[in-house]
């Protein structure tokens, strides 16, 4: 009996380890509430600051040169065609040329290849002085309608391209209405080049933002025609040129992917481009360019990132040198607060 009672007493007694944990937690909670938790506070001495800036420079500058070299490895051919594709008699009044449907918009451009361009060669069109980021323009769309079609009727944001002739417009809004409609065909000498226009849009956009059973309806049927027309028999998720256009650009100059040439281009080749100069950029002094470009491991040609790394690295080294000279000229021992005493005495 005594043994049993002793065992019951030991079972009822709280284990010392659990009480220790409770006290530790309460102590930590108290320190947290009173902001007394231990913390690491680096001491910024002149030597450490100079060292950090110097290391930043030595790291950033090589990264910048590597990035810039990778960007320069991408080969580009850029051709501005909006002026050259206007007949001589309309050069002084380009707006009348682009708005007159009786005038032929056919144009031929010749692009000479200077360096070997390995397939795939990406085809872009570039628009300059085009504010796709304007607040009214960006809001003039209905993402729910693009995904669900006519069953979604709350499309007031699409004004003034919400409805036409009493019927809803699918897709609605100014972005869809103003879709780019210049077309291009490519040939090398007398041989037509194979151009792929598949997989030019983001996969996430095709699968999650544009409905597979949503078809264009009553589109570009109003009194004022904007840009390109859409095939009413093809769902929006399969019209990739439209999906590319609907991803609005953030800057006034932007490029959008048109397709890919699936053949290598050799030095000396002349690419013949037959295009239809349909898109009106003349009313707002915009520019149109056609770009053929290869890519590197970093992507397309863009010197901004490499130049930024070099500028930041060089600035860091210059700052570290200035700090070093100031420290050598007016050294102050660590912990010396004589400057504070002088200010107090005065």
Protein backbone atom coordinates (compact mmCIF):
# COMPACT_ATOMS: atom_id res chain seq x y z
CA UNK A 1 0.00 0.00 0.00
CA UNK A 2 2.80 2.43 0.85
CA UNK A 3 4.42 1.84 -2.51
CA UNK A 4 1.19 2.57 -4.35
CA UNK A 5 0.60 5.80 -2.44
CA UNK A 6 4.14 6.92 -3.15
CA UNK A 7 3.70 6.26 -6.82
CA UNK A 8 0.43 8.28 -6.88
CA UNK A 9 2.17 11.21 -5.23
CA UNK A 10 4.96 11.24 -7.83
CA UNK A 11 2.42 11.09 -10.65
CA UNK A 12 0.51 14.13 -9.34
CA UNK A 13 3.67 16.20 -8.97
CA UNK A 14 4.44 18.42 -12.06
CA UNK A 15 7.59 17.41 -13.97
CA UNK A 16 10.40 19.90 -13.42
CA UNK A 17 11.06 20.12 -17.16
CA UNK A 18 7.55 21.38 -18.03
CA UNK A 19 7.66 24.05 -15.32
CA UNK A 20 11.03 25.19 -16.63
CA UNK A 21 9.59 25.49 -20.16
CA UNK A 22 6.63 27.49 -18.88
CA UNK A 23 8.86 29.90 -17.03
CA UNK A 24 11.14 30.25 -20.06
CA UNK A 25 8.18 31.04 -22.31
CA UNK A 26 6.76 33.59 -19.91
CA UNK A 27 10.18 35.21 -19.56
CA UNK A 28 10.59 35.38 -23.36
CA UNK A 29 7.08 36.83 -23.70
CA UNK A 30 7.86 39.46 -21.07
CA UNK A 31 11.10 40.41 -22.86
CA UNK A 32 9.23 40.63 -26.17
CA UNK A 33 6.56 42.91 -24.72
CA UNK A 34 9.14 45.11 -23.05
CA UNK A 35 11.33 45.13 -26.19
CA UNK A 36 14.25 43.62 -24.31
CA UNK A 37 14.98 40.69 -26.63
CA UNK A 38 18.64 40.27 -27.55
CA UNK A 39 19.45 41.79 -30.93
CA UNK A 40 22.44 42.17 -33.18
CA UNK A 41 23.29 45.78 -33.88
CA UNK A 42 26.21 46.14 -36.31
CA UNK A 43 28.67 48.89 -35.51
CA UNK A 44 29.35 50.92 -38.65
CA UNK A 45 32.99 51.85 -38.28
CA UNK A 46 34.75 53.74 -41.10
CA UNK A 47 36.71 50.60 -42.01
CA UNK A 48 33.61 48.42 -42.30
CA UNK A 49 31.71 50.99 -44.39
CA UNK A 50 34.64 51.45 -46.77
CA UNK A 51 35.05 47.67 -47.07
CA UNK A 52 31.37 47.09 -47.84
CA UNK A 53 31.28 49.73 -50.57
CA UNK A 54 34.53 48.44 -52.06
CA UNK A 55 33.23 44.83 -52.13
CA UNK A 56 29.99 45.98 -53.76
CA UNK A 57 31.98 47.63 -56.52
CA UNK A 58 34.23 44.61 -57.11
CA UNK A 59 31.18 42.31 -57.28
CA UNK A 60 28.78 44.49 -59.30
CA UNK A 61 31.18 45.61 -62.04
CA UNK A 62 32.10 42.07 -63.27
CA UNK A 63 28.42 41.07 -63.15
CA UNK A 64 27.62 44.15 -65.23
CA UNK A 65 30.20 43.32 -67.90
CA UNK A 66 29.02 39.69 -68.09
CA UNK A 67 25.39 40.80 -68.39
CA UNK A 68 26.27 43.42 -71.01
CA UNK A 69 28.23 40.85 -73.01
CA UNK A 70 25.30 38.42 -72.93
CA UNK A 71 22.99 41.21 -74.12
CA UNK A 72 25.33 42.09 -77.00
CA UNK A 73 25.39 38.42 -78.07
CA UNK A 74 21.75 38.79 -79.10
CA UNK A 75 21.64 40.04 -82.70
CA UNK A 76 18.97 42.50 -83.79
CA UNK A 77 17.76 43.97 -87.06
CA UNK A 78 15.53 47.01 -86.52
CA UNK A 79 13.58 48.63 -89.35
CA UNK A 80 11.27 51.61 -88.97
CA UNK A 81 8.69 51.39 -91.73
CA UNK A 82 5.86 53.78 -90.85
CA UNK A 83 7.33 56.66 -92.91
CA UNK A 84 8.89 54.72 -95.78
CA UNK A 85 5.67 52.80 -96.41
CA UNK A 86 3.69 55.98 -97.10
CA UNK A 87 3.57 56.99 -100.81
CA UNK A 88 5.44 60.17 -101.68
CA UNK A 89 2.30 62.14 -102.48
CA UNK A 90 0.90 61.45 -98.99
CA UNK A 91 4.04 62.17 -96.95
CA UNK A 92 2.71 65.60 -95.97
CA UNK A 93 -0.71 64.22 -95.02
CA UNK A 94 -0.20 60.72 -93.65
CA UNK A 95 -3.53 60.69 -91.82
CA UNK A 96 -5.51 60.95 -95.05
CA UNK A 97 -3.48 58.04 -96.45
CA UNK A 98 -4.08 55.68 -93.51
CA UNK A 99 -7.81 56.49 -93.21
CA UNK A 100 -8.56 56.09 -96.95
CA UNK A 101 -9.51 52.45 -97.51
CA UNK A 102 -9.25 52.82 -101.30
CA UNK A 103 -5.46 53.33 -101.15
CA UNK A 104 -3.33 50.20 -101.17
CA UNK A 105 -1.42 49.61 -97.95
CA UNK A 106 1.02 47.06 -99.39
CA UNK A 107 4.68 47.74 -98.72
CA UNK A 108 7.92 45.83 -99.25
CA UNK A 109 10.98 46.14 -97.04
CA UNK A 110 14.43 44.56 -97.44
CA UNK A 111 16.42 43.56 -94.37
CA UNK A 112 20.06 42.55 -94.83
CA UNK A 113 21.51 40.07 -92.34
CA UNK A 114 24.98 41.11 -91.11
CA UNK A 115 25.71 38.21 -88.71
CA UNK A 116 24.61 34.61 -88.39
CA UNK A 117 21.22 34.44 -86.71
CA UNK A 118 20.43 31.04 -85.28
CA UNK A 119 16.85 29.84 -85.23
CA UNK A 120 14.49 30.64 -83.71
CA UNK A 121 14.62 34.26 -84.87
CA UNK A 122 12.00 36.21 -82.97
CA UNK A 123 9.81 38.70 -84.82
CA UNK A 124 8.60 41.73 -82.85
CA UNK A 125 6.65 44.83 -83.74
CA UNK A 126 7.48 47.96 -81.78
CA UNK A 127 5.26 50.97 -81.18
CA UNK A 128 6.69 54.27 -79.92
CA UNK A 129 4.82 57.18 -78.33
CA UNK A 130 1.89 54.85 -77.63
CA UNK A 131 0.52 55.18 -74.09
CA UNK A 132 -0.97 51.77 -73.37
CA UNK A 133 -0.50 52.61 -69.69
CA UNK A 134 -3.07 55.43 -69.74
CA UNK A 135 -5.51 55.00 -66.85
CA UNK A 136 -8.68 55.13 -68.98
CA UNK A 137 -7.18 52.81 -71.58
CA UNK A 138 -5.96 50.19 -69.08
CA UNK A 139 -9.35 50.07 -67.32
CA UNK A 140 -11.31 49.69 -70.57
CA UNK A 141 -11.59 45.88 -70.50
CA UNK A 142 -13.47 43.11 -68.71
CA UNK A 143 -11.35 40.20 -67.52
CA UNK A 144 -14.45 38.30 -66.43
CA UNK A 145 -15.98 38.62 -69.89
CA UNK A 146 -12.76 37.40 -71.50
CA UNK A 147 -12.99 34.31 -69.30
CA UNK A 148 -16.75 33.65 -69.27
CA UNK A 149 -18.09 35.34 -72.41
CA UNK A 150 -21.51 36.91 -72.91
CA UNK A 151 -22.92 35.38 -69.73
CA UNK A 152 -21.00 38.08 -67.83
CA UNK A 153 -22.91 41.33 -68.39
CA UNK A 154 -21.29 43.77 -65.93
CA UNK A 155 -19.05 45.43 -68.51
CA UNK A 156 -19.56 49.14 -67.80
CA UNK A 157 -15.77 49.59 -67.55
CA UNK A 158 -15.55 48.87 -71.29
CA UNK A 159 -17.23 52.12 -72.30
CA UNK A 160 -17.33 53.39 -75.02
CA UNK A 161 -16.82 49.93 -76.58
CA UNK A 162 -19.29 48.05 -74.38
CA UNK A 163 -22.08 47.45 -76.90
CA UNK A 164 -22.96 48.15 -80.53
CA UNK A 165 -26.36 48.18 -82.23
CA UNK A 166 -27.96 47.15 -78.95
CA UNK A 167 -25.85 44.00 -78.61
CA UNK A 168 -22.87 43.34 -76.33
CA UNK A 169 -19.37 43.36 -77.77
CA UNK A 170 -17.10 40.39 -77.04
CA UNK A 171 -14.32 41.19 -76.32
CA UNK A 172 -15.27 44.65 -75.12
CA UNK A 173 -13.13 47.67 -74.30
CA UNK A 174 -10.65 49.99 -75.97
CA UNK A 175 -7.67 47.66 -75.64
CA UNK A 176 -9.33 44.95 -77.72
CA UNK A 177 -10.83 47.52 -80.12
CA UNK A 178 -7.39 49.04 -80.85
CA UNK A 179 -5.58 45.75 -81.55
CA UNK A 180 -2.55 45.97 -83.85
CA UNK A 181 -3.44 44.91 -87.41
CA UNK A 182 -0.32 45.24 -89.55
CA UNK A 183 0.58 41.90 -91.13
CA UNK A 184 3.94 40.55 -92.31
CA UNK A 185 5.18 37.78 -94.59
CA UNK A 186 8.86 36.89 -94.92
CA UNK A 187 10.93 35.44 -97.75
CA UNK A 188 14.61 34.81 -98.41
CA UNK A 189 15.25 35.56 -102.06
CA UNK A 190 12.38 33.66 -103.69
CA UNK A 191 11.83 31.14 -100.87
CA UNK A 192 9.17 31.83 -98.29
CA UNK A 193 10.42 31.61 -94.73
CA UNK A 194 8.55 29.43 -92.25
CA UNK A 195 7.04 31.61 -89.53
CA UNK A 196 5.45 30.06 -86.45
CA UNK A 197 2.80 32.04 -84.60
CA UNK A 198 2.07 29.40 -81.98
CA UNK A 199 3.08 29.71 -78.32
CA UNK A 200 3.77 33.43 -78.58
CA UNK A 201 1.50 34.21 -75.60
CA UNK A 202 2.08 33.31 -71.98
CA UNK A 203 0.80 29.85 -71.09
CA UNK A 204 -0.88 31.21 -67.94
CA UNK A 205 -2.81 33.74 -70.06
CA UNK A 206 -3.98 31.12 -72.55
CA UNK A 207 -5.15 28.67 -69.90
CA UNK A 208 -6.49 30.89 -67.12
CA UNK A 209 -7.43 34.33 -68.48
CA UNK A 210 -9.14 33.64 -71.82
CA UNK A 211 -12.05 31.22 -72.06
CA UNK A 212 -11.82 28.13 -74.24
CA UNK A 213 -15.53 28.46 -75.10
CA UNK A 214 -15.60 32.27 -75.49
CA UNK A 215 -15.93 33.42 -79.10
CA UNK A 216 -15.80 36.95 -80.54
CA UNK A 217 -19.27 38.43 -80.95
CA UNK A 218 -20.36 41.71 -82.54
CA UNK A 219 -16.70 42.77 -82.63
CA UNK A 220 -15.64 45.71 -84.85
CA UNK A 221 -19.22 46.04 -86.16
CA UNK A 222 -19.76 49.62 -85.02
CA UNK A 223 -19.53 52.84 -86.99
CA UNK A 224 -15.93 53.43 -85.89
CA UNK A 225 -13.55 50.59 -86.71
CA UNK A 226 -10.43 50.35 -84.58
CA UNK A 227 -7.71 47.81 -85.31
CA UNK A 228 -7.68 44.14 -86.20
CA UNK A 229 -10.74 41.91 -86.52
CA UNK A 230 -11.00 38.54 -84.79
CA UNK A 231 -12.17 35.23 -86.22
CA UNK A 232 -15.64 34.58 -84.71
CA UNK A 233 -15.16 30.82 -85.16
CA UNK A 234 -11.98 30.59 -83.07
CA UNK A 235 -12.11 30.84 -79.25
CA UNK A 236 -10.20 33.68 -77.60
CA UNK A 237 -7.82 31.21 -75.90
CA UNK A 238 -6.54 30.17 -79.36
CA UNK A 239 -6.11 33.67 -80.82
CA UNK A 240 -2.64 34.26 -79.45
CA UNK A 241 -1.91 37.51 -81.27
CA UNK A 242 -4.94 38.96 -79.46
CA UNK A 243 -3.74 37.57 -76.10
CA UNK A 244 -0.31 39.17 -76.63
CA UNK A 245 -1.93 42.53 -77.40
CA UNK A 246 -4.18 42.41 -74.33
CA UNK A 247 -1.17 42.36 -71.99
CA UNK A 248 -0.82 46.15 -71.72
CA UNK A 249 2.67 47.65 -71.71
CA UNK A 250 3.96 49.84 -68.89
CA UNK A 251 6.01 52.26 -71.01
CA UNK A 252 5.23 54.44 -74.02
CA UNK A 253 7.65 52.43 -76.21
CA UNK A 254 7.09 48.69 -76.23
CA UNK A 255 7.58 45.54 -78.25
CA UNK A 256 5.20 42.65 -78.71
CA UNK A 257 6.01 39.22 -80.11
CA UNK A 258 4.58 38.56 -83.58
CA UNK A 259 6.09 35.14 -84.33
CA UNK A 260 9.27 33.16 -84.86
CA UNK A 261 11.28 32.34 -88.00
CA UNK A 262 12.18 28.66 -87.67
CA UNK A 263 15.22 28.80 -89.97
CA UNK A 264 18.78 30.07 -89.57
CA UNK A 265 19.66 33.32 -91.32
CA UNK A 266 23.16 33.56 -92.75
CA UNK A 267 25.34 36.66 -93.22
CA UNK A 268 24.54 38.35 -96.52
CA UNK A 269 20.97 37.00 -96.70
CA UNK A 270 18.34 39.55 -97.67
CA UNK A 271 14.99 39.04 -95.96
CA UNK A 272 12.13 40.36 -98.07
CA UNK A 273 9.24 41.58 -95.91
CA UNK A 274 5.84 42.11 -97.51
CA UNK A 275 3.66 43.99 -95.08
CA UNK A 276 0.27 45.64 -94.86
CA UNK A 277 0.62 49.10 -93.33
CA UNK A 278 -2.86 49.20 -91.77
CA UNK A 279 -2.35 50.44 -88.22
CA UNK A 280 -2.94 54.14 -87.60
CA UNK A 281 -0.14 55.67 -85.55
CA UNK A 282 -0.07 58.88 -87.59
CA UNK A 283 -2.90 60.57 -85.67
CA UNK A 284 -0.75 60.73 -82.50
CA UNK A 285 2.77 60.97 -84.06
CA UNK A 286 3.58 57.37 -83.18
CA UNK A 287 6.21 55.19 -84.80
CA UNK A 288 6.17 51.59 -86.00
CA UNK A 289 9.19 49.31 -86.21
CA UNK A 290 9.83 45.72 -87.22
CA UNK A 291 12.51 43.81 -85.29
CA UNK A 292 14.20 40.48 -85.99
CA UNK A 293 16.12 39.28 -82.96
CA UNK A 294 17.89 36.25 -81.56
CA UNK A 295 18.20 35.56 -77.84
CA UNK A 296 20.98 34.71 -75.40
CA UNK A 297 20.91 32.94 -72.03
CA UNK A 298 19.76 36.28 -70.58
CA UNK A 299 16.95 36.78 -73.10
CA UNK A 300 16.69 39.43 -75.79
CA UNK A 301 18.96 42.41 -76.30
CA UNK A 302 18.66 44.89 -73.44
CA UNK A 303 21.70 46.79 -72.18
CA UNK A 304 19.89 48.44 -69.26
CA UNK A 305 20.62 45.74 -66.66
CA UNK A 306 24.33 45.51 -67.48
CA UNK A 307 24.80 49.29 -67.53
CA UNK A 308 22.96 49.57 -64.20
CA UNK A 309 25.28 47.02 -62.55
CA UNK A 310 28.36 48.84 -63.87
CA UNK A 311 27.11 52.27 -62.76
CA UNK A 312 26.21 51.04 -59.27
CA UNK A 313 29.54 49.22 -58.92
CA UNK A 314 31.58 52.21 -60.10
CA UNK A 315 29.62 54.54 -57.80
CA UNK A 316 30.31 52.24 -54.85
CA UNK A 317 34.05 52.27 -55.50
CA UNK A 318 34.08 56.07 -55.87
CA UNK A 319 32.16 56.46 -52.59
CA UNK A 320 34.54 54.08 -50.81
CA UNK A 321 37.56 56.07 -52.07
CA UNK A 322 36.00 59.34 -50.89
CA UNK A 323 35.28 57.85 -47.46
CA UNK A 324 38.83 56.51 -47.29
CA UNK A 325 40.37 59.90 -48.07
CA UNK A 326 38.14 61.61 -45.53
CA UNK A 327 39.07 59.02 -42.90
CA UNK A 328 42.80 59.42 -43.59
CA UNK A 329 42.56 63.20 -43.49
CA UNK A 330 40.49 63.43 -40.30
CA UNK A 331 40.89 60.16 -38.41
CA UNK A 332 38.92 59.69 -35.19
CA UNK A 333 39.57 56.79 -32.80
CA UNK A 334 36.70 54.42 -32.22
CA UNK A 335 34.59 55.53 -29.24
CA UNK A 336 35.95 59.08 -29.29
CA UNK A 337 33.08 61.49 -28.51
CA UNK A 338 35.17 64.61 -28.26
CA UNK A 339 33.16 66.19 -31.08
CA UNK A 340 30.06 65.93 -28.85
CA UNK A 341 31.84 67.53 -25.86
CA UNK A 342 32.96 70.47 -27.99
CA UNK A 343 29.43 71.06 -29.22
CA UNK A 344 28.07 70.92 -25.65
CA UNK A 345 30.70 73.31 -24.27
CA UNK A 346 30.00 75.85 -27.01
